[in-house]
Amino acid sequence: MNDELKKILDIIIKEKGGSYKDYRLLMDKIGYHESKSDPKSIQKLNNGKDGFGRGKYQYEVGDNRGANTAVNRLYTYYKDNKLPIPKWVKNIPSGKSVDASKLKDYQQDILFLTDKMGHPKADFSKVINGEQSTTDFWLKNHWSGKDKDVAKRTESFNRDLESFKQQKQPVNNIPTQEDLYSYIAKPNVGKFPSEDPNDYDRGFNVNQLANGGKLNSNTNQSEFNEFNSGGSHESNPYNGIPMGTGTNGKINTTEQNESSFNFEDGKYIFSARLDLNGKKITNIIK
């Protein structure tokens, strides 16, 4: 998890209760309905033209619209909690119109969380304790349509919610959210069941970085990261810890005991399998 996002979640959890998983599931369900979880999504209208919605949560672009309101609430939340304003927020072009699709995935998550914390009626604790459904939370605190469309939009959200819950196969070669949550809860998955090297992919199109290498994708992590759990490529059900999609369309995976570092020209994985004069590379760079 990105360090900045984790810091915000720690504050929210202390106030509203719940766990990282609770908030991740809530965000993923809403993001799945809004854009099928695509942070670069641009709303398409029935006439083929672009709508106002942008990003994973489809915040509306334009003066005094949803994205601008969300950014204003983000500023307020950071100031109220005496947190430094993130550089990426300061870099948002001046003016009232904000295009959320230009922000990174984790930045959109932070925008969503702080927007709801500043919303006059939204209350995460109600969803956490079961007092309010995810559908009702979305309908009353995120959707901004007309009253006459409530029934239709509610039906659409619930349909997508069922689709999200029932995902059995990876979408675009990406393991489902529910599968990942189950794996995180049970990291010791045992031995790889197949002895046939041709079965190693197991249906997942992956770039394994067992021997280190450059990670050609946009991943939302801090400069230096250690992977202290998740098992080896052979034992992990997804052939490693998912690290975003590479430029070749395959899932990048690393494994337990490896580490990564962000250099100017990209993120590099340091393999736990390589030695330098009898010493593990991961131990050398710590």
Protein backbone atom coordinates (compact mmCIF):
# COMPACT_ATOMS: atom_id res chain seq x y z
CA MET A 1 0.00 0.00 0.00
CA ASN A 2 1.22 3.49 -0.80
CA ASP A 3 2.61 5.20 2.32
CA GLU A 4 0.59 8.37 1.84
CA LEU A 5 -2.64 6.44 1.40
CA LYS A 6 -1.83 4.31 4.45
CA LYS A 7 -1.29 7.44 6.56
CA ILE A 8 -4.71 8.81 5.60
CA LEU A 9 -6.39 5.45 6.23
CA ASP A 10 -4.73 5.19 9.66
CA ILE A 11 -6.30 8.53 10.65
CA ILE A 12 -9.72 7.59 9.26
CA ILE A 13 -9.70 4.15 10.89
CA LYS A 14 -8.84 5.70 14.24
CA GLU A 15 -11.88 7.97 13.94
CA LYS A 16 -14.37 5.80 12.05
CA GLY A 17 -13.26 2.24 12.84
CA GLY A 18 -12.82 -0.63 10.43
CA SER A 19 -9.75 -2.03 8.70
CA TYR A 20 -7.72 -1.45 5.55
CA LYS A 21 -9.66 -4.25 3.90
CA ASP A 22 -13.02 -2.61 4.76
CA TYR A 23 -12.08 0.63 3.03
CA ARG A 24 -10.34 -1.11 0.13
CA LEU A 25 -13.46 -3.16 -0.55
CA LEU A 26 -15.73 -0.12 -0.34
CA MET A 27 -13.55 1.87 -2.73
CA ASP A 28 -13.15 -1.04 -5.11
CA LYS A 29 -16.88 -1.72 -5.27
CA ILE A 30 -17.67 1.92 -6.02
CA GLY A 31 -14.76 2.20 -8.45
CA TYR A 32 -15.87 -0.97 -10.21
CA HIS A 33 -19.34 0.45 -10.78
CA GLU A 34 -18.14 3.88 -11.84
CA SER A 35 -15.40 2.91 -14.27
CA LYS A 36 -14.67 -0.81 -13.96
CA SER A 37 -11.78 0.39 -11.76
CA ASP A 38 -10.01 2.26 -14.57
CA PRO A 39 -8.18 5.34 -13.18
CA LYS A 40 -7.81 6.73 -16.73
CA SER A 41 -11.50 6.37 -17.56
CA ILE A 42 -13.35 9.15 -19.37
CA GLN A 43 -17.15 9.01 -19.36
CA LYS A 44 -18.71 8.26 -22.73
CA LEU A 45 -22.23 9.46 -23.45
CA ASN A 46 -24.77 7.61 -25.58
CA ASN A 47 -24.06 10.01 -28.45
CA GLY A 48 -20.38 9.04 -28.39
CA LYS A 49 -19.18 12.32 -26.91
CA ASP A 50 -17.18 12.67 -23.70
CA GLY A 51 -19.15 13.28 -20.53
CA PHE A 52 -17.99 15.06 -17.38
CA GLY A 53 -16.93 11.94 -15.42
CA ARG A 54 -13.20 11.28 -15.08
CA GLY A 55 -11.06 8.66 -13.37
CA LYS A 56 -11.81 5.61 -11.28
CA TYR A 57 -14.57 7.31 -9.31
CA GLN A 58 -15.84 9.42 -12.21
CA TYR A 59 -15.45 12.76 -10.49
CA GLU A 60 -16.91 15.41 -12.78
CA VAL A 61 -14.50 17.75 -14.53
CA GLY A 62 -15.44 21.42 -14.91
CA ASP A 63 -15.83 24.58 -12.85
CA ASN A 64 -17.59 24.01 -9.53
CA ARG A 65 -18.21 20.34 -10.30
CA GLY A 66 -17.50 17.21 -8.26
CA ALA A 67 -13.73 16.97 -8.71
CA ASN A 68 -13.22 20.58 -7.69
CA THR A 69 -15.38 20.07 -4.59
CA ALA A 70 -13.40 16.93 -3.71
CA VAL A 71 -10.06 18.73 -3.99
CA ASN A 72 -11.33 21.56 -1.77
CA ARG A 73 -12.36 18.99 0.85
CA LEU A 74 -8.97 17.29 0.53
CA TYR A 75 -7.22 20.58 1.32
CA THR A 76 -9.51 21.11 4.31
CA TYR A 77 -8.95 17.58 5.62
CA TYR A 78 -5.17 17.87 5.42
CA LYS A 79 -5.20 21.24 7.14
CA ASP A 80 -7.61 20.12 9.88
CA ASN A 81 -5.35 17.14 10.60
CA LYS A 82 -2.20 19.30 10.42
CA LEU A 83 -0.80 17.29 7.52
CA PRO A 84 1.43 18.79 4.81
CA ILE A 85 -0.39 19.32 1.54
CA PRO A 86 0.88 16.66 -0.91
CA LYS A 87 3.03 17.81 -3.81
CA TRP A 88 0.67 16.19 -6.30
CA VAL A 89 -2.19 18.34 -4.97
CA LYS A 90 -0.10 21.49 -5.21
CA ASN A 91 0.70 20.49 -8.80
CA ILE A 92 -2.98 20.39 -9.80
CA PRO A 93 -3.36 23.25 -12.30
CA SER A 94 -4.83 26.39 -10.81
CA GLY A 95 -8.48 27.01 -11.56
CA LYS A 96 -11.73 25.38 -10.65
CA SER A 97 -11.71 22.48 -13.11
CA VAL A 98 -9.93 19.28 -12.00
CA ASP A 99 -9.44 16.20 -14.20
CA ALA A 100 -9.18 13.24 -11.80
CA SER A 101 -8.05 10.91 -14.60
CA LYS A 102 -4.72 12.76 -14.60
CA LEU A 103 -4.03 11.60 -11.05
CA LYS A 104 -2.43 8.30 -10.08
CA ASP A 105 -4.56 5.43 -8.80
CA TYR A 106 -3.64 5.90 -5.12
CA GLN A 107 -4.11 9.67 -5.42
CA GLN A 108 -7.66 9.11 -6.60
CA ASP A 109 -8.20 6.84 -3.59
CA ILE A 110 -7.01 9.61 -1.27
CA LEU A 111 -9.24 12.11 -3.07
CA PHE A 112 -12.23 9.81 -2.59
CA LEU A 113 -11.52 9.20 1.10
CA THR A 114 -10.95 12.82 2.05
CA ASP A 115 -13.92 13.91 -0.07
CA LYS A 116 -16.20 11.63 1.93
CA MET A 117 -14.64 12.69 5.23
CA GLY A 118 -15.58 16.25 4.33
CA HIS A 119 -19.02 15.36 2.96
CA PRO A 120 -21.81 16.78 5.16
CA LYS A 121 -23.73 13.49 5.27
CA ALA A 122 -21.24 10.69 4.45
CA ASP A 123 -20.17 8.54 7.39
CA PHE A 124 -17.82 5.62 6.82
CA SER A 125 -18.62 4.19 10.24
CA LYS A 126 -22.20 3.47 9.18
CA VAL A 127 -20.97 1.25 6.34
CA ILE A 128 -18.34 -0.38 8.54
CA ASN A 129 -20.83 -1.34 11.27
CA GLY A 130 -23.50 -2.47 8.78
CA GLU A 131 -25.94 0.34 9.46
CA GLN A 132 -25.73 1.50 5.82
CA SER A 133 -25.27 -0.58 2.68
CA THR A 134 -22.59 0.15 0.10
CA THR A 135 -25.35 0.89 -2.40
CA ASP A 136 -27.00 3.45 -0.13
CA PHE A 137 -23.64 5.05 0.72
CA TRP A 138 -22.86 5.44 -2.98
CA LEU A 139 -26.35 6.70 -3.83
CA LYS A 140 -26.50 9.35 -1.11
CA ASN A 141 -22.87 10.42 -0.91
CA HIS A 142 -21.28 9.95 -4.32
CA TRP A 143 -23.88 9.80 -7.09
CA SER A 144 -25.19 13.20 -8.15
CA GLY A 145 -28.02 12.38 -10.52
CA LYS A 146 -31.67 13.35 -10.60
CA ASP A 147 -34.37 11.97 -8.30
CA LYS A 148 -36.26 10.45 -11.22
CA ASP A 149 -33.26 8.23 -11.99
CA VAL A 150 -32.75 6.85 -8.47
CA ALA A 151 -34.44 3.50 -9.08
CA LYS A 152 -32.67 2.91 -12.38
CA ARG A 153 -29.25 3.88 -11.01
CA THR A 154 -29.73 1.81 -7.88
CA GLU A 155 -30.53 -1.23 -10.01
CA SER A 156 -27.43 -0.58 -12.11
CA PHE A 157 -25.18 -0.28 -9.04
CA ASN A 158 -26.54 -3.48 -7.48
CA ARG A 159 -26.04 -5.32 -10.75
CA ASP A 160 -22.41 -4.23 -10.88
CA LEU A 161 -22.01 -5.10 -7.20
CA GLU A 162 -23.08 -8.67 -7.89
CA SER A 163 -20.74 -8.81 -10.86
CA PHE A 164 -17.89 -7.61 -8.65
CA LYS A 165 -18.62 -10.23 -6.00
CA GLN A 166 -18.97 -13.09 -8.45
CA GLN A 167 -15.82 -12.54 -10.46
CA LYS A 168 -14.31 -16.00 -10.88
CA GLN A 169 -11.76 -15.42 -13.62
CA PRO A 170 -9.20 -12.65 -13.97
CA VAL A 171 -10.37 -9.62 -15.94
CA ASN A 172 -7.74 -8.50 -18.48
CA ASN A 173 -5.32 -11.02 -16.90
CA ILE A 174 -5.67 -9.36 -13.48
CA PRO A 175 -6.67 -11.51 -10.45
CA THR A 176 -10.03 -10.50 -9.00
CA GLN A 177 -10.16 -8.30 -5.91
CA GLU A 178 -11.95 -10.98 -3.88
CA ASP A 179 -9.25 -13.52 -4.82
CA LEU A 180 -6.51 -11.15 -3.73
CA TYR A 181 -8.20 -10.44 -0.41
CA SER A 182 -8.55 -14.16 0.23
CA TYR A 183 -4.89 -14.70 -0.58
CA ILE A 184 -3.76 -11.86 1.70
CA ALA A 185 -5.70 -13.49 4.54
CA LYS A 186 -3.97 -16.83 3.87
CA PRO A 187 -0.42 -16.14 2.69
CA ASN A 188 0.86 -19.70 3.26
CA VAL A 189 -0.55 -21.36 0.18
CA GLY A 190 1.66 -24.45 0.08
CA LYS A 191 3.54 -25.91 -2.86
CA PHE A 192 2.85 -25.22 -6.48
CA PRO A 193 0.49 -28.05 -7.47
CA SER A 194 1.78 -28.76 -10.95
CA GLU A 195 5.05 -30.44 -11.91
CA ASP A 196 4.60 -29.52 -15.57
CA PRO A 197 6.53 -26.32 -16.43
CA ASN A 198 4.04 -25.66 -19.20
CA ASP A 199 1.38 -25.20 -16.53
CA TYR A 200 3.40 -22.59 -14.66
CA ASP A 201 1.42 -19.67 -16.03
CA ARG A 202 -1.82 -21.20 -14.66
CA GLY A 203 -3.89 -18.83 -16.78
CA PHE A 204 -2.20 -15.64 -15.59
CA ASN A 205 -0.14 -13.70 -18.10
CA VAL A 206 2.77 -12.58 -15.95
CA ASN A 207 6.27 -11.06 -16.02
CA GLN A 208 8.20 -12.76 -13.25
CA LEU A 209 11.14 -10.83 -11.86
CA ALA A 210 12.78 -13.66 -9.94
CA ASN A 211 16.18 -12.54 -11.22
CA GLY A 212 15.54 -8.85 -10.75
CA GLY A 213 14.96 -6.20 -13.39
CA LYS A 214 13.14 -3.03 -14.30
CA LEU A 215 9.42 -2.83 -13.57
CA ASN A 216 7.87 -1.18 -16.63
CA SER A 217 4.60 -0.07 -15.11
CA ASN A 218 3.08 2.63 -12.95
CA THR A 219 2.88 1.23 -9.42
CA ASN A 220 1.78 3.28 -6.45
CA GLN A 221 4.51 2.68 -3.89
CA SER A 222 7.15 4.71 -2.10
CA GLU A 223 10.81 4.86 -3.22
CA PHE A 224 12.01 1.79 -1.30
CA ASN A 225 9.82 -1.21 -0.55
CA GLU A 226 10.45 -4.58 1.05
CA PHE A 227 8.23 -7.59 0.37
CA ASN A 228 8.26 -9.50 3.63
CA SER A 229 5.34 -11.82 2.87
CA GLY A 230 3.58 -13.35 -0.10
CA GLY A 231 5.68 -16.45 -0.71
CA SER A 232 7.79 -17.40 -3.69
CA HIS A 233 6.77 -17.34 -7.34
CA GLU A 234 6.30 -21.10 -7.12
CA SER A 235 4.10 -21.06 -4.00
CA ASN A 236 2.04 -17.95 -4.70
CA PRO A 237 -1.28 -18.69 -6.47
CA TYR A 238 -0.72 -15.74 -8.83
CA ASN A 239 2.89 -16.69 -9.57
CA GLY A 240 4.09 -13.90 -7.31
CA ILE A 241 2.97 -10.67 -5.66
CA PRO A 242 1.08 -8.60 -8.29
CA MET A 243 2.87 -5.33 -9.08
CA GLY A 244 0.73 -3.75 -11.75
CA THR A 245 0.57 -4.36 -15.48
CA GLY A 246 3.71 -4.05 -17.61
CA THR A 247 3.95 -2.20 -20.91
CA ASN A 248 3.60 -5.55 -22.66
CA GLY A 249 0.19 -6.10 -21.06
CA LYS A 250 1.39 -8.82 -18.67
CA ILE A 251 1.11 -8.72 -14.89
CA ASN A 252 4.42 -7.97 -13.15
CA THR A 253 5.11 -10.13 -10.12
CA THR A 254 7.78 -10.14 -7.42
CA GLU A 255 8.19 -12.51 -4.46
CA GLN A 256 8.82 -12.58 -0.74
CA ASN A 257 12.21 -11.29 0.49
CA GLU A 258 12.72 -9.16 -2.61
CA SER A 259 12.76 -5.37 -2.58
CA SER A 260 12.21 -2.51 -5.00
CA PHE A 261 13.52 1.01 -5.43
CA ASN A 262 12.31 3.92 -7.56
CA PHE A 263 15.13 5.34 -9.69
CA GLU A 264 14.73 8.28 -12.06
CA ASP A 265 14.27 5.98 -15.03
CA GLY A 266 11.83 3.61 -13.31
CA LYS A 267 11.28 1.07 -10.55
CA TYR A 268 13.77 -1.81 -10.18
CA ILE A 269 13.26 -5.12 -8.43
CA PHE A 270 16.23 -6.54 -6.49
CA SER A 271 16.09 -10.31 -6.51
CA ALA A 272 16.51 -12.39 -3.36
CA ARG A 273 17.94 -15.17 -5.53
CA LEU A 274 21.04 -13.33 -6.73
CA ASP A 275 24.32 -13.19 -4.80
CA LEU A 276 27.17 -10.69 -4.96
CA ASN A 277 30.37 -12.06 -3.46
CA GLY A 278 28.36 -14.43 -1.30
CA LYS A 279 25.94 -11.77 -0.07
CA LYS A 280 22.29 -11.33 -1.01
CA ILE A 281 21.70 -8.17 -3.04
CA THR A 282 18.60 -7.36 -0.98
CA ASN A 283 20.72 -7.32 2.18
CA ILE A 284 23.31 -5.04 0.59
CA ILE A 285 20.88 -2.27 -0.35
CA LYS A 286 19.01 -2.08 2.95
